[in-house]
């Protein structure tokens, strides 16, 4: 028997991206929602991830700023990183 232990964070977290879009599988890793791409793949294929309120089974789903990803009781908002804050 396998036991999964995951932290649950009910608050919405904003995750900034620096590109036009990011694939769902990569986004889950970026948000530290999963530890690896393999884990992300399994959760997505097991219908445990939502995008904008709908179950998504496409690992390569392109997420753009404004999209909301739901996973394990948490909601992640995709946002565009402010380019001004990345300049030195």
Protein backbone atom coordinates (compact mmCIF):
# COMPACT_ATOMS: atom_id res chain seq x y z
CA UNK A 1 0.00 0.00 0.00
CA UNK A 2 1.34 3.40 -0.99
CA UNK A 3 0.70 6.42 1.16
CA UNK A 4 0.90 9.91 -0.29
CA UNK A 5 1.64 12.75 2.06
CA UNK A 6 1.13 16.20 0.61
CA UNK A 7 0.76 19.56 2.26
CA UNK A 8 -2.53 21.31 1.72
CA UNK A 9 -2.56 25.06 1.27
CA UNK A 10 -6.06 26.45 0.79
CA UNK A 11 -4.90 29.96 -0.14
CA UNK A 12 -4.41 30.96 -3.75
CA UNK A 13 -0.75 31.34 -4.67
CA UNK A 14 0.46 33.54 -7.51
CA UNK A 15 3.20 31.96 -9.61
CA UNK A 16 4.93 34.32 -12.06
CA UNK A 17 6.25 33.09 -15.41
CA UNK A 18 8.74 34.86 -17.67
CA UNK A 19 7.51 33.44 -20.97
CA UNK A 20 4.31 33.77 -23.00
CA UNK A 21 3.05 30.41 -21.71
CA UNK A 22 4.13 27.37 -19.70
CA UNK A 23 3.05 23.76 -20.04
CA UNK A 24 0.91 22.36 -17.23
CA UNK A 25 3.42 19.66 -16.28
CA UNK A 26 6.22 22.23 -15.99
CA UNK A 27 4.01 24.64 -14.10
CA UNK A 28 3.29 22.10 -11.37
CA UNK A 29 7.03 21.66 -10.89
CA UNK A 30 7.64 25.42 -10.92
CA UNK A 31 4.96 25.93 -8.27
CA UNK A 32 6.57 23.20 -6.12
CA UNK A 33 3.25 21.35 -6.12
CA UNK A 34 5.06 18.15 -7.18
CA UNK A 35 8.63 16.95 -6.90
CA UNK A 36 9.14 15.66 -10.43
CA UNK A 37 7.75 15.59 -13.92
CA UNK A 38 6.81 11.95 -13.45
CA UNK A 39 4.67 12.81 -10.46
CA UNK A 40 3.04 15.65 -12.39
CA UNK A 41 2.28 13.31 -15.28
CA UNK A 42 0.59 10.79 -12.98
CA UNK A 43 -1.54 13.37 -11.18
CA UNK A 44 -2.63 14.92 -14.49
CA UNK A 45 -3.49 11.58 -16.10
CA UNK A 46 -5.36 10.52 -12.93
CA UNK A 47 -7.63 13.55 -13.36
CA UNK A 48 -6.44 15.24 -10.16
CA UNK A 49 -5.61 18.63 -11.72
CA UNK A 50 -8.00 21.35 -12.87
CA UNK A 51 -7.36 24.30 -15.15
CA UNK A 52 -9.82 27.16 -14.84
CA UNK A 53 -12.22 24.93 -12.92
CA UNK A 54 -12.24 22.01 -15.38
CA UNK A 55 -10.38 18.71 -15.08
CA UNK A 56 -7.42 18.66 -17.45
CA UNK A 57 -5.65 15.49 -18.60
CA UNK A 58 -3.31 17.18 -21.10
CA UNK A 59 0.26 17.36 -19.76
CA UNK A 60 1.20 19.82 -22.47
CA UNK A 61 -1.73 22.18 -21.86
CA UNK A 62 -0.44 25.72 -22.41
CA UNK A 63 -1.08 27.95 -19.43
CA UNK A 64 -1.06 31.71 -19.88
CA UNK A 65 -1.22 34.54 -17.35
CA UNK A 66 -4.67 34.63 -15.77
CA UNK A 67 -5.17 30.85 -15.80
CA UNK A 68 -5.93 29.11 -12.50
CA UNK A 69 -4.63 25.64 -11.69
CA UNK A 70 -6.21 23.57 -8.93
CA UNK A 71 -4.36 20.69 -7.34
CA UNK A 72 -4.60 18.96 -3.98
CA UNK A 73 -6.79 21.63 -2.40
CA UNK A 74 -4.58 24.52 -3.50
CA UNK A 75 -5.16 27.03 -6.28
CA UNK A 76 -2.29 28.52 -8.27
CA UNK A 77 -2.71 31.66 -10.36
CA UNK A 78 -0.44 32.01 -13.40
CA UNK A 79 0.85 35.57 -13.67
CA UNK A 80 3.28 37.41 -15.92
CA UNK A 81 6.47 38.35 -14.13
CA UNK A 82 6.98 42.10 -14.07
CA UNK A 83 9.88 42.72 -16.45
CA UNK A 84 10.86 45.89 -14.59
CA UNK A 85 11.56 43.91 -11.41
CA UNK A 86 13.96 41.56 -13.23
CA UNK A 87 16.21 44.33 -14.53
CA UNK A 88 19.41 45.08 -12.65
